[in-house]
Amino acid sequence: QVQLVESGGGLVQPGGSLRLSCAASGFTFSSYAMSWHRQAPGKERELVAGITNIGGNTNYAHSVKGRFAISRDGAKNTVYLQMNSLKPEDTAVYFCKANGVYSDYEYWGQGTQVTVSS
């Protein structure tokens, strides 16, 4: 049974930091590129950051470059999103996604709420 379980969301003040985690199970983690996406109320879901299946390359949305960092731990089958210098416009539900490198399979997590407010 495939599962992507996000955690680490919450309420934080502007300028603060959060680290999101996404624990994967039920598939071969090393065969999947991983990414974080977010969806704010009334807006479409957008890509925030991505990392290749072996972690050699990363990419970021322009709006988070220099503030967010994506990483993965193959031993723990977990992908992380370190978010620094958070802004109110970062408020959204954050989703973890897995894309098969050798297949067309893709999986989504259930999302975790991040709220940036004073």
PDB file of N, CA and C in Angstrom:
ATOM      1  N   GLN A   1       0.844  -1.189   0.000  1.00  0.00           N
ATOM      2  CA  GLN A   1       0.000   0.000   0.000  1.00  0.00           C
ATOM      3  C   GLN A   1       0.886   1.249   0.000  1.00  0.00           C
ATOM      4  N   VAL A   2       0.722   2.067  -1.031  1.00  0.00           N
ATOM      5  CA  VAL A   2       1.525   3.278  -1.147  1.00  0.00           C
ATOM      6  C   VAL A   2       1.018   4.341  -0.182  1.00  0.00           C
ATOM      7  N   GLN A   3       1.956   4.948   0.522  1.00  0.00           N
ATOM      8  CA  GLN A   3       1.601   6.052   1.408  1.00  0.00           C
ATOM      9  C   GLN A   3       2.653   7.143   1.342  1.00  0.00           C
ATOM     10  N   LEU A   4       2.177   8.373   1.320  1.00  0.00           N
ATOM     11  CA  LEU A   4       3.015   9.552   1.505  1.00  0.00           C
ATOM     12  C   LEU A   4       2.376  10.335   2.637  1.00  0.00           C
ATOM     13  N   VAL A   5       3.081  10.464   3.731  1.00  0.00           N
ATOM     14  CA  VAL A   5       2.509  11.103   4.921  1.00  0.00           C
ATOM     15  C   VAL A   5       3.324  12.330   5.268  1.00  0.00           C
ATOM     16  N   GLU A   6       2.702  13.497   5.083  1.00  0.00           N
ATOM     17  CA  GLU A   6       3.368  14.761   5.395  1.00  0.00           C
ATOM     18  C   GLU A   6       3.178  15.120   6.862  1.00  0.00           C
ATOM     19  N   SER A   7       4.139  15.835   7.392  1.00  0.00           N
ATOM     20  CA  SER A   7       4.049  16.342   8.761  1.00  0.00           C
ATOM     21  C   SER A   7       4.920  17.586   8.881  1.00  0.00           C
ATOM     22  N   GLY A   8       4.747  18.312   9.972  1.00  0.00           N
ATOM     23  CA  GLY A   8       5.592  19.471  10.235  1.00  0.00           C
ATOM     24  C   GLY A   8       4.947  20.813   9.968  1.00  0.00           C
ATOM     25  N   GLY A   9       3.747  20.810   9.422  1.00  0.00           N
ATOM     26  CA  GLY A   9       3.063  22.072   9.181  1.00  0.00           C
ATOM     27  C   GLY A   9       2.603  22.714  10.482  1.00  0.00           C
ATOM     28  N   GLY A  10       2.123  23.944  10.365  1.00  0.00           N
ATOM     29  CA  GLY A  10       1.632  24.641  11.542  1.00  0.00           C
ATOM     30  C   GLY A  10       1.561  26.131  11.322  1.00  0.00           C
ATOM     31  N   LEU A  11       1.406  26.853  12.423  1.00  0.00           N
ATOM     32  CA  LEU A  11       1.326  28.310  12.408  1.00  0.00           C
ATOM     33  C   LEU A  11       2.692  28.876  12.799  1.00  0.00           C
ATOM     34  N   VAL A  12       3.185  29.814  12.007  1.00  0.00           N
ATOM     35  CA  VAL A  12       4.479  30.423  12.277  1.00  0.00           C
ATOM     36  C   VAL A  12       4.399  31.911  11.951  1.00  0.00           C
ATOM     37  N   GLN A  13       5.172  32.708  12.653  1.00  0.00           N
ATOM     38  CA  GLN A  13       5.192  34.143  12.390  1.00  0.00           C
ATOM     39  C   GLN A  13       6.031  34.452  11.162  1.00  0.00           C
ATOM     40  N   PRO A  14       5.751  35.565  10.497  1.00  0.00           N
ATOM     41  CA  PRO A  14       6.603  35.974   9.360  1.00  0.00           C
ATOM     42  C   PRO A  14       8.062  36.039   9.788  1.00  0.00           C
ATOM     43  N   GLY A  15       8.920  35.540   8.902  1.00  0.00           N
ATOM     44  CA  GLY A  15      10.344  35.472   9.209  1.00  0.00           C
ATOM     45  C   GLY A  15      10.772  34.185   9.879  1.00  0.00           C
ATOM     46  N   GLY A  16       9.817  33.389  10.296  1.00  0.00           N
ATOM     47  CA  GLY A  16      10.117  32.142  10.984  1.00  0.00           C
ATOM     48  C   GLY A  16      10.453  31.005  10.034  1.00  0.00           C
ATOM     49  N   SER A  17      10.665  29.837  10.619  1.00  0.00           N
ATOM     50  CA  SER A  17      11.058  28.648   9.854  1.00  0.00           C
ATOM     51  C   SER A  17      10.192  27.453  10.227  1.00  0.00           C
ATOM     52  N   LEU A  18      10.054  26.557   9.284  1.00  0.00           N
ATOM     53  CA  LEU A  18       9.407  25.262   9.491  1.00  0.00           C
ATOM     54  C   LEU A  18      10.145  24.238   8.643  1.00  0.00           C
ATOM     55  N   ARG A  19      10.117  22.992   9.105  1.00  0.00           N
ATOM     56  CA  ARG A  19      10.621  21.899   8.280  1.00  0.00           C
ATOM     57  C   ARG A  19       9.505  20.879   8.088  1.00  0.00           C
ATOM     58  N   LEU A  20       9.150  20.677   6.838  1.00  0.00           N
ATOM     59  CA  LEU A  20       8.157  19.664   6.497  1.00  0.00           C
ATOM     60  C   LEU A  20       8.849  18.341   6.198  1.00  0.00           C
ATOM     61  N   SER A  21       8.175  17.269   6.567  1.00  0.00           N
ATOM     62  CA  SER A  21       8.664  15.926   6.265  1.00  0.00           C
ATOM     63  C   SER A  21       7.593  15.170   5.503  1.00  0.00           C
ATOM     64  N   CYS A  22       8.030  14.275   4.647  1.00  0.00           N
ATOM     65  CA  CYS A  22       7.116  13.399   3.910  1.00  0.00           C
ATOM     66  C   CYS A  22       7.696  11.997   3.962  1.00  0.00           C
ATOM     67  N   ALA A  23       7.035  11.123   4.721  1.00  0.00           N
ATOM     68  CA  ALA A  23       7.494   9.748   4.869  1.00  0.00           C
ATOM     69  C   ALA A  23       6.815   8.877   3.818  1.00  0.00           C
ATOM     70  N   ALA A  24       7.624   8.178   3.026  1.00  0.00           N
ATOM     71  CA  ALA A  24       7.117   7.357   1.934  1.00  0.00           C
ATOM     72  C   ALA A  24       7.186   5.878   2.283  1.00  0.00           C
ATOM     73  N   SER A  25       6.200   5.131   1.816  1.00  0.00           N
ATOM     74  CA  SER A  25       6.212   3.681   2.002  1.00  0.00           C
ATOM     75  C   SER A  25       5.390   3.029   0.900  1.00  0.00           C
ATOM     76  N   GLY A  26       5.673   1.758   0.659  1.00  0.00           N
ATOM     77  CA  GLY A  26       4.894   1.009  -0.317  1.00  0.00           C
ATOM     78  C   GLY A  26       5.425   1.062  -1.739  1.00  0.00           C
ATOM     79  N   PHE A  27       6.554   1.730  -1.949  1.00  0.00           N
ATOM     80  CA  PHE A  27       7.175   1.751  -3.266  1.00  0.00           C
ATOM     81  C   PHE A  27       8.676   1.937  -3.098  1.00  0.00           C
ATOM     82  N   THR A  28       9.418   1.752  -4.186  1.00  0.00           N
ATOM     83  CA  THR A  28      10.869   1.849  -4.140  1.00  0.00           C
ATOM     84  C   THR A  28      11.271   3.324  -4.202  1.00  0.00           C
ATOM     85  N   PHE A  29      11.586   3.866  -3.045  1.00  0.00           N
ATOM     86  CA  PHE A  29      11.831   5.302  -2.915  1.00  0.00           C
ATOM     87  C   PHE A  29      12.907   5.793  -3.881  1.00  0.00           C
ATOM     88  N   SER A  30      13.934   5.011  -4.078  1.00  0.00           N
ATOM     89  CA  SER A  30      15.066   5.444  -4.909  1.00  0.00           C
ATOM     90  C   SER A  30      14.722   5.491  -6.394  1.00  0.00           C
ATOM     91  N   SER A  31      13.556   5.004  -6.770  1.00  0.00           N
ATOM     92  CA  SER A  31      13.134   5.023  -8.169  1.00  0.00           C
ATOM     93  C   SER A  31      12.150   6.152  -8.464  1.00  0.00           C
ATOM     94  N   TYR A  32      12.015   7.063  -7.507  1.00  0.00           N
ATOM     95  CA  TYR A  32      11.039   8.144  -7.656  1.00  0.00           C
ATOM     96  C   TYR A  32      11.679   9.506  -7.397  1.00  0.00           C
ATOM     97  N   ALA A  33      11.440  10.429  -8.316  1.00  0.00           N
ATOM     98  CA  ALA A  33      11.723  11.826  -8.037  1.00  0.00           C
ATOM     99  C   ALA A  33      10.649  12.327  -7.083  1.00  0.00           C
ATOM    100  N   MET A  34      11.038  13.232  -6.201  1.00  0.00           N
ATOM    101  CA  MET A  34      10.107  13.739  -5.198  1.00  0.00           C
ATOM    102  C   MET A  34       9.962  15.251  -5.344  1.00  0.00           C
ATOM    103  N   SER A  35       8.816  15.743  -4.972  1.00  0.00           N
ATOM    104  CA  SER A  35       8.593  17.180  -5.069  1.00  0.00           C
ATOM    105  C   SER A  35       7.592  17.632  -4.022  1.00  0.00           C
ATOM    106  N   TRP A  36       7.634  18.909  -3.753  1.00  0.00           N
ATOM    107  CA  TRP A  36       6.669  19.568  -2.877  1.00  0.00           C
ATOM    108  C   TRP A  36       5.868  20.560  -3.730  1.00  0.00           C
ATOM    109  N   HIS A  37       4.577  20.580  -3.486  1.00  0.00           N
ATOM    110  CA  HIS A  37       3.666  21.489  -4.157  1.00  0.00           C
ATOM    111  C   HIS A  37       2.833  22.178  -3.087  1.00  0.00           C
ATOM    112  N   ARG A  38       2.230  23.291  -3.443  1.00  0.00           N
ATOM    113  CA  ARG A  38       1.353  23.950  -2.478  1.00  0.00           C
ATOM    114  C   ARG A  38       0.140  24.530  -3.190  1.00  0.00           C
ATOM    115  N   GLN A  39      -0.909  24.671  -2.398  1.00  0.00           N
ATOM    116  CA  GLN A  39      -2.150  25.243  -2.929  1.00  0.00           C
ATOM    117  C   GLN A  39      -2.730  26.187  -1.893  1.00  0.00           C
ATOM    118  N   ALA A  40      -2.815  27.441  -2.267  1.00  0.00           N
ATOM    119  CA  ALA A  40      -3.429  28.454  -1.411  1.00  0.00           C
ATOM    120  C   ALA A  40      -4.910  28.556  -1.745  1.00  0.00           C
ATOM    121  N   PRO A  41      -5.729  29.054  -0.822  1.00  0.00           N
ATOM    122  CA  PRO A  41      -7.161  29.174  -1.084  1.00  0.00           C
ATOM    123  C   PRO A  41      -7.436  29.986  -2.344  1.00  0.00           C
ATOM    124  N   GLY A  42      -8.255  29.424  -3.219  1.00  0.00           N
ATOM    125  CA  GLY A  42      -8.637  30.120  -4.437  1.00  0.00           C
ATOM    126  C   GLY A  42      -7.590  30.121  -5.529  1.00  0.00           C
ATOM    127  N   LYS A  43      -6.486  29.419  -5.305  1.00  0.00           N
ATOM    128  CA  LYS A  43      -5.414  29.382  -6.303  1.00  0.00           C
ATOM    129  C   LYS A  43      -5.147  27.954  -6.750  1.00  0.00           C
ATOM    130  N   GLU A  44      -4.481  27.824  -7.881  1.00  0.00           N
ATOM    131  CA  GLU A  44      -4.126  26.502  -8.377  1.00  0.00           C
ATOM    132  C   GLU A  44      -2.913  25.961  -7.627  1.00  0.00           C
ATOM    133  N   ARG A  45      -2.810  24.640  -7.626  1.00  0.00           N
ATOM    134  CA  ARG A  45      -1.661  24.006  -7.009  1.00  0.00           C
ATOM    135  C   ARG A  45      -0.415  24.327  -7.831  1.00  0.00           C
ATOM    136  N   GLU A  46       0.694  24.624  -7.144  1.00  0.00           N
ATOM    137  CA  GLU A  46       1.916  24.983  -7.839  1.00  0.00           C
ATOM    138  C   GLU A  46       3.103  24.206  -7.290  1.00  0.00           C
ATOM    139  N   LEU A  47       4.067  23.970  -8.157  1.00  0.00           N
ATOM    140  CA  LEU A  47       5.304  23.308  -7.755  1.00  0.00           C
ATOM    141  C   LEU A  47       6.138  24.265  -6.915  1.00  0.00           C
ATOM    142  N   VAL A  48       6.633  23.769  -5.784  1.00  0.00           N
ATOM    143  CA  VAL A  48       7.506  24.558  -4.917  1.00  0.00           C
ATOM    144  C   VAL A  48       8.965  24.146  -5.102  1.00  0.00           C
ATOM    145  N   ALA A  49       9.227  22.848  -5.045  1.00  0.00           N
ATOM    146  CA  ALA A  49      10.593  22.360  -5.150  1.00  0.00           C
ATOM    147  C   ALA A  49      10.580  20.898  -5.557  1.00  0.00           C
ATOM    148  N   GLY A  50      11.623  20.476  -6.256  1.00  0.00           N
ATOM    149  CA  GLY A  50      11.735  19.087  -6.678  1.00  0.00           C
ATOM    150  C   GLY A  50      13.159  18.582  -6.499  1.00  0.00           C
ATOM    151  N   ILE A  51      13.289  17.269  -6.381  1.00  0.00           N
ATOM    152  CA  ILE A  51      14.599  16.649  -6.227  1.00  0.00           C
ATOM    153  C   ILE A  51      14.595  15.332  -6.984  1.00  0.00           C
ATOM    154  N   THR A  52      15.686  15.038  -7.662  1.00  0.00           N
ATOM    155  CA  THR A  52      15.763  13.818  -8.453  1.00  0.00           C
ATOM    156  C   THR A  52      15.807  12.582  -7.551  1.00  0.00           C
ATOM    157  N   ASN A  53      15.673  11.425  -8.167  1.00  0.00           N
ATOM    158  CA  ASN A  53      15.515  10.199  -7.390  1.00  0.00           C
ATOM    159  C   ASN A  53      16.741   9.865  -6.553  1.00  0.00           C
ATOM    160  N   ILE A  54      17.923  10.265  -6.997  1.00  0.00           N
ATOM    161  CA  ILE A  54      19.110  10.001  -6.192  1.00  0.00           C
ATOM    162  C   ILE A  54      19.632  11.285  -5.548  1.00  0.00           C
ATOM    163  N   GLY A  55      18.865  12.346  -5.676  1.00  0.00           N
ATOM    164  CA  GLY A  55      19.169  13.564  -4.950  1.00  0.00           C
ATOM    165  C   GLY A  55      20.246  14.440  -5.554  1.00  0.00           C
ATOM    166  N   GLY A  56      20.644  14.147  -6.791  1.00  0.00           N
ATOM    167  CA  GLY A  56      21.725  14.913  -7.373  1.00  0.00           C
ATOM    168  C   GLY A  56      21.345  16.295  -7.836  1.00  0.00           C
ATOM    169  N   ASN A  57      20.089  16.489  -8.174  1.00  0.00           N
ATOM    170  CA  ASN A  57      19.644  17.779  -8.699  1.00  0.00           C
ATOM    171  C   ASN A  57      18.362  18.232  -8.023  1.00  0.00           C
ATOM    172  N   THR A  58      18.270  19.537  -7.829  1.00  0.00           N
ATOM    173  CA  THR A  58      17.073  20.130  -7.238  1.00  0.00           C
ATOM    174  C   THR A  58      16.618  21.295  -8.104  1.00  0.00           C
ATOM    175  N   ASN A  59      15.359  21.652  -7.963  1.00  0.00           N
ATOM    176  CA  ASN A  59      14.840  22.832  -8.646  1.00  0.00           C
ATOM    177  C   ASN A  59      13.808  23.497  -7.746  1.00  0.00           C
ATOM    178  N   TYR A  60      13.654  24.805  -7.911  1.00  0.00           N
ATOM    179  CA  TYR A  60      12.782  25.587  -7.023  1.00  0.00           C
ATOM    180  C   TYR A  60      11.957  26.583  -7.820  1.00  0.00           C
ATOM    181  N   ALA A  61      10.783  26.867  -7.309  1.00  0.00           N
ATOM    182  CA  ALA A  61      10.002  27.977  -7.820  1.00  0.00           C
ATOM    183  C   ALA A  61      10.756  29.269  -7.520  1.00  0.00           C
ATOM    184  N   HIS A  62      10.623  30.231  -8.401  1.00  0.00           N
ATOM    185  CA  HIS A  62      11.341  31.494  -8.235  1.00  0.00           C
ATOM    186  C   HIS A  62      10.995  32.154  -6.902  1.00  0.00           C
ATOM    187  N   SER A  63       9.739  31.994  -6.493  1.00  0.00           N
ATOM    188  CA  SER A  63       9.265  32.679  -5.288  1.00  0.00           C
ATOM    189  C   SER A  63       9.883  32.151  -3.999  1.00  0.00           C
ATOM    190  N   VAL A  64      10.471  30.946  -4.036  1.00  0.00           N
ATOM    191  CA  VAL A  64      11.036  30.366  -2.810  1.00  0.00           C
ATOM    192  C   VAL A  64      12.536  30.159  -2.895  1.00  0.00           C
ATOM    193  N   LYS A  65      13.117  30.424  -4.037  1.00  0.00           N
ATOM    194  CA  LYS A  65      14.552  30.191  -4.226  1.00  0.00           C
ATOM    195  C   LYS A  65      15.346  31.028  -3.229  1.00  0.00           C
ATOM    196  N   GLY A  66      16.290  30.367  -2.573  1.00  0.00           N
ATOM    197  CA  GLY A  66      17.103  31.040  -1.569  1.00  0.00           C
ATOM    198  C   GLY A  66      16.522  31.001  -0.171  1.00  0.00           C
ATOM    199  N   ARG A  67      15.255  30.618  -0.049  1.00  0.00           N
ATOM    200  CA  ARG A  67      14.602  30.535   1.266  1.00  0.00           C
ATOM    201  C   ARG A  67      14.259  29.094   1.648  1.00  0.00           C
ATOM    202  N   PHE A  68      13.922  28.281   0.662  1.00  0.00           N
ATOM    203  CA  PHE A  68      13.512  26.900   0.893  1.00  0.00           C
ATOM    204  C   PHE A  68      14.600  25.960   0.393  1.00  0.00           C
ATOM    205  N   ALA A  69      14.679  24.791   1.026  1.00  0.00           N
ATOM    206  CA  ALA A  69      15.625  23.761   0.586  1.00  0.00           C
ATOM    207  C   ALA A  69      14.976  22.394   0.676  1.00  0.00           C
ATOM    208  N   ILE A  70      15.043  21.651  -0.423  1.00  0.00           N
ATOM    209  CA  ILE A  70      14.500  20.294  -0.449  1.00  0.00           C
ATOM    210  C   ILE A  70      15.651  19.305  -0.313  1.00  0.00           C
ATOM    211  N   SER A  71      15.407  18.223   0.414  1.00  0.00           N
ATOM    212  CA  SER A  71      16.414  17.182   0.563  1.00  0.00           C
ATOM    213  C   SER A  71      15.696  15.848   0.754  1.00  0.00           C
ATOM    214  N   ARG A  72      16.447  14.767   0.640  1.00  0.00           N
ATOM    215  CA  ARG A  72      15.856  13.439   0.831  1.00  0.00           C
ATOM    216  C   ARG A  72      16.851  12.547   1.553  1.00  0.00           C
ATOM    217  N   ASP A  73      16.300  11.610   2.317  1.00  0.00           N
ATOM    218  CA  ASP A  73      17.096  10.636   3.062  1.00  0.00           C
ATOM    219  C   ASP A  73      16.646   9.251   2.629  1.00  0.00           C
ATOM    220  N   GLY A  74      17.478   8.572   1.850  1.00  0.00           N
ATOM    221  CA  GLY A  74      17.122   7.260   1.347  1.00  0.00           C
ATOM    222  C   GLY A  74      17.004   6.212   2.434  1.00  0.00           C
ATOM    223  N   ALA A  75      17.750   6.371   3.500  1.00  0.00           N
ATOM    224  CA  ALA A  75      17.695   5.401   4.590  1.00  0.00           C
ATOM    225  C   ALA A  75      16.369   5.480   5.336  1.00  0.00           C
ATOM    226  N   LYS A  76      15.771   6.663   5.342  1.00  0.00           N
ATOM    227  CA  LYS A  76      14.503   6.855   6.044  1.00  0.00           C
ATOM    228  C   LYS A  76      13.317   6.954   5.094  1.00  0.00           C
ATOM    229  N   ASN A  77      13.567   6.869   3.780  1.00  0.00           N
ATOM    230  CA  ASN A  77      12.489   7.018   2.792  1.00  0.00           C
ATOM    231  C   ASN A  77      11.677   8.277   3.054  1.00  0.00           C
ATOM    232  N   THR A  78      12.375   9.366   3.267  1.00  0.00           N
ATOM    233  CA  THR A  78      11.728  10.620   3.641  1.00  0.00           C
ATOM    234  C   THR A  78      12.303  11.770   2.827  1.00  0.00           C
ATOM    235  N   VAL A  79      11.435  12.669   2.446  1.00  0.00           N
ATOM    236  CA  VAL A  79      11.840  13.904   1.781  1.00  0.00           C
ATOM    237  C   VAL A  79      11.460  15.070   2.685  1.00  0.00           C
ATOM    238  N   TYR A  80      12.299  16.080   2.692  1.00  0.00           N
ATOM    239  CA  TYR A  80      12.116  17.217   3.581  1.00  0.00           C
ATOM    240  C   TYR A  80      11.994  18.509   2.777  1.00  0.00           C
ATOM    241  N   LEU A  81      11.366  19.489   3.392  1.00  0.00           N
ATOM    242  CA  LEU A  81      11.353  20.843   2.856  1.00  0.00           C
ATOM    243  C   LEU A  81      11.646  21.783   4.018  1.00  0.00           C
ATOM    244  N   GLN A  82      12.848  22.326   4.027  1.00  0.00           N
ATOM    245  CA  GLN A  82      13.223  23.321   5.019  1.00  0.00           C
ATOM    246  C   GLN A  82      12.790  24.687   4.503  1.00  0.00           C
ATOM    247  N   MET A  83      11.961  25.362   5.272  1.00  0.00           N
ATOM    248  CA  MET A  83      11.409  26.647   4.851  1.00  0.00           C
ATOM    249  C   MET A  83      11.866  27.728   5.828  1.00  0.00           C
ATOM    250  N   ASN A  84      12.618  28.670   5.327  1.00  0.00           N
ATOM    251  CA  ASN A  84      13.132  29.779   6.140  1.00  0.00           C
ATOM    252  C   ASN A  84      12.577  31.104   5.638  1.00  0.00           C
ATOM    253  N   SER A  85      12.700  32.116   6.470  1.00  0.00           N
ATOM    254  CA  SER A  85      12.237  33.462   6.095  1.00  0.00           C
ATOM    255  C   SER A  85      10.831  33.425   5.531  1.00  0.00           C
ATOM    256  N   LEU A  86       9.953  32.756   6.225  1.00  0.00           N
ATOM    257  CA  LEU A  86       8.594  32.566   5.730  1.00  0.00           C
ATOM    258  C   LEU A  86       7.833  33.877   5.642  1.00  0.00           C
ATOM    259  N   LYS A  87       6.981  33.959   4.637  1.00  0.00           N
ATOM    260  CA  LYS A  87       6.178  35.149   4.367  1.00  0.00           C
ATOM    261  C   LYS A  87       4.694  34.771   4.418  1.00  0.00           C
ATOM    262  N   PRO A  88       3.826  35.725   4.664  1.00  0.00           N
ATOM    263  CA  PRO A  88       2.387  35.408   4.652  1.00  0.00           C
ATOM    264  C   PRO A  88       1.937  34.756   3.341  1.00  0.00           C
ATOM    265  N   GLU A  89       2.544  35.129   2.235  1.00  0.00           N
ATOM    266  CA  GLU A  89       2.161  34.549   0.949  1.00  0.00           C
ATOM    267  C   GLU A  89       2.598  33.093   0.791  1.00  0.00           C
ATOM    268  N   ASP A  90       3.357  32.572   1.734  1.00  0.00           N
ATOM    269  CA  ASP A  90       3.696  31.145   1.731  1.00  0.00           C
ATOM    270  C   ASP A  90       2.587  30.298   2.355  1.00  0.00           C
ATOM    271  N   THR A  91       1.578  30.950   2.900  1.00  0.00           N
ATOM    272  CA  THR A  91       0.456  30.228   3.501  1.00  0.00           C
ATOM    273  C   THR A  91      -0.258  29.381   2.460  1.00  0.00           C
ATOM    274  N   ALA A  92      -0.373  28.085   2.734  1.00  0.00           N
ATOM    275  CA  ALA A  92      -0.986  27.148   1.787  1.00  0.00           C
ATOM    276  C   ALA A  92      -1.016  25.764   2.414  1.00  0.00           C
ATOM    277  N   VAL A  93      -1.702  24.866   1.744  1.00  0.00           N
ATOM    278  CA  VAL A  93      -1.570  23.447   2.046  1.00  0.00           C
ATOM    279  C   VAL A  93      -0.425  22.918   1.193  1.00  0.00           C
ATOM    280  N   TYR A  94       0.524  22.261   1.838  1.00  0.00           N
ATOM    281  CA  TYR A  94       1.706  21.733   1.155  1.00  0.00           C
ATOM    282  C   TYR A  94       1.553  20.228   0.958  1.00  0.00           C
ATOM    283  N   PHE A  95       1.791  19.806  -0.279  1.00  0.00           N
ATOM    284  CA  PHE A  95       1.637  18.409  -0.667  1.00  0.00           C
ATOM    285  C   PHE A  95       2.968  17.830  -1.126  1.00  0.00           C
ATOM    286  N   CYS A  96       3.173  16.587  -0.799  1.00  0.00           N
ATOM    287  CA  CYS A  96       4.318  15.820  -1.250  1.00  0.00           C
ATOM    288  C   CYS A  96       3.872  14.975  -2.449  1.00  0.00           C
ATOM    289  N   LYS A  97       4.757  14.842  -3.444  1.00  0.00           N
ATOM    290  CA  LYS A  97       4.436  14.058  -4.632  1.00  0.00           C
ATOM    291  C   LYS A  97       5.620  13.196  -5.024  1.00  0.00           C
ATOM    292  N   ALA A  98       5.317  11.990  -5.483  1.00  0.00           N
ATOM    293  CA  ALA A  98       6.339  11.072  -5.989  1.00  0.00           C
ATOM    294  C   ALA A  98       6.068  10.781  -7.453  1.00  0.00           C
ATOM    295  N   ASN A  99       7.082  10.915  -8.288  1.00  0.00           N
ATOM    296  CA  ASN A  99       6.966  10.610  -9.719  1.00  0.00           C
ATOM    297  C   ASN A  99       7.951   9.512 -10.084  1.00  0.00           C
ATOM    298  N   GLY A 100       7.439   8.423 -10.676  1.00  0.00           N
ATOM    299  CA  GLY A 100       8.308   7.332 -11.071  1.00  0.00           C
ATOM    300  C   GLY A 100       9.291   7.760 -12.150  1.00  0.00           C
ATOM    301  N   VAL A 101      10.538   7.382 -11.968  1.00  0.00           N
ATOM    302  CA  VAL A 101      11.580   7.680 -12.961  1.00  0.00           C
ATOM    303  C   VAL A 101      11.539   6.642 -14.079  1.00  0.00           C
ATOM    304  N   TYR A 102      11.207   5.404 -13.734  1.00  0.00           N
ATOM    305  CA  TYR A 102      11.193   4.300 -14.696  1.00  0.00           C
ATOM    306  C   TYR A 102       9.782   3.851 -15.018  1.00  0.00           C
ATOM    307  N   SER A 103       8.798   4.603 -14.540  1.00  0.00           N
ATOM    308  CA  SER A 103       7.404   4.273 -14.788  1.00  0.00           C
ATOM    309  C   SER A 103       6.603   5.567 -14.836  1.00  0.00           C
ATOM    310  N   ASP A 104       5.326   5.445 -15.147  1.00  0.00           N
ATOM    311  CA  ASP A 104       4.440   6.613 -15.176  1.00  0.00           C
ATOM    312  C   ASP A 104       3.671   6.793 -13.875  1.00  0.00           C
ATOM    313  N   TYR A 105       4.016   6.006 -12.870  1.00  0.00           N
ATOM    314  CA  TYR A 105       3.279   6.107 -11.614  1.00  0.00           C
ATOM    315  C   TYR A 105       3.591   7.438 -10.928  1.00  0.00           C
ATOM    316  N   GLU A 106       2.563   7.986 -10.285  1.00  0.00           N
ATOM    317  CA  GLU A 106       2.739   9.155  -9.448  1.00  0.00           C
ATOM    318  C   GLU A 106       1.800   9.065  -8.265  1.00  0.00           C
ATOM    319  N   TYR A 107       2.251   9.565  -7.141  1.00  0.00           N
ATOM    320  CA  TYR A 107       1.483   9.484  -5.906  1.00  0.00           C
ATOM    321  C   TYR A 107       1.519  10.833  -5.201  1.00  0.00           C
ATOM    322  N   TRP A 108       0.420  11.124  -4.503  1.00  0.00           N
ATOM    323  CA  TRP A 108       0.309  12.370  -3.745  1.00  0.00           C
ATOM    324  C   TRP A 108       0.069  12.055  -2.278  1.00  0.00           C
ATOM    325  N   GLY A 109       0.573  12.924  -1.415  1.00  0.00           N
ATOM    326  CA  GLY A 109       0.224  12.868  -0.016  1.00  0.00           C
ATOM    327  C   GLY A 109      -1.068  13.623   0.235  1.00  0.00           C
ATOM    328  N   GLN A 110      -1.488  13.630   1.496  1.00  0.00           N
ATOM    329  CA  GLN A 110      -2.768  14.238   1.837  1.00  0.00           C
ATOM    330  C   GLN A 110      -2.650  15.724   2.141  1.00  0.00           C
ATOM    331  N   GLY A 111      -1.435  16.211   2.320  1.00  0.00           N
ATOM    332  CA  GLY A 111      -1.220  17.631   2.542  1.00  0.00           C
ATOM    333  C   GLY A 111      -1.077  18.001   4.003  1.00  0.00           C
ATOM    334  N   THR A 112      -0.349  19.085   4.233  1.00  0.00           N
ATOM    335  CA  THR A 112      -0.202  19.635   5.578  1.00  0.00           C
ATOM    336  C   THR A 112      -0.308  21.163   5.491  1.00  0.00           C
ATOM    337  N   GLN A 113      -1.044  21.740   6.417  1.00  0.00           N
ATOM    338  CA  GLN A 113      -1.318  23.180   6.376  1.00  0.00           C
ATOM    339  C   GLN A 113      -0.141  23.969   6.950  1.00  0.00           C
ATOM    340  N   VAL A 114       0.266  24.983   6.218  1.00  0.00           N
ATOM    341  CA  VAL A 114       1.257  25.944   6.701  1.00  0.00           C
ATOM    342  C   VAL A 114       0.596  27.322   6.695  1.00  0.00           C
ATOM    343  N   THR A 115       0.592  27.972   7.841  1.00  0.00           N
ATOM    344  CA  THR A 115       0.016  29.297   7.963  1.00  0.00           C
ATOM    345  C   THR A 115       1.073  30.252   8.511  1.00  0.00           C
ATOM    346  N   VAL A 116       1.327  31.317   7.761  1.00  0.00           N
ATOM    347  CA  VAL A 116       2.308  32.313   8.175  1.00  0.00           C
ATOM    348  C   VAL A 116       1.554  33.597   8.514  1.00  0.00           C
ATOM    349  N   SER A 117       1.528  33.909   9.792  1.00  0.00           N
ATOM    350  CA  SER A 117       0.725  35.047  10.241  1.00  0.00           C
ATOM    351  C   SER A 117       1.242  35.532  11.583  1.00  0.00           C
ATOM    352  N   SER A 118       1.103  36.839  11.792  1.00  0.00           N
ATOM    353  CA  SER A 118       1.466  37.409  13.096  1.00  0.00           C
ATOM    354  C   SER A 118       0.246  37.487  14.003  1.00  0.00           C
TER     355      SER A 118
END
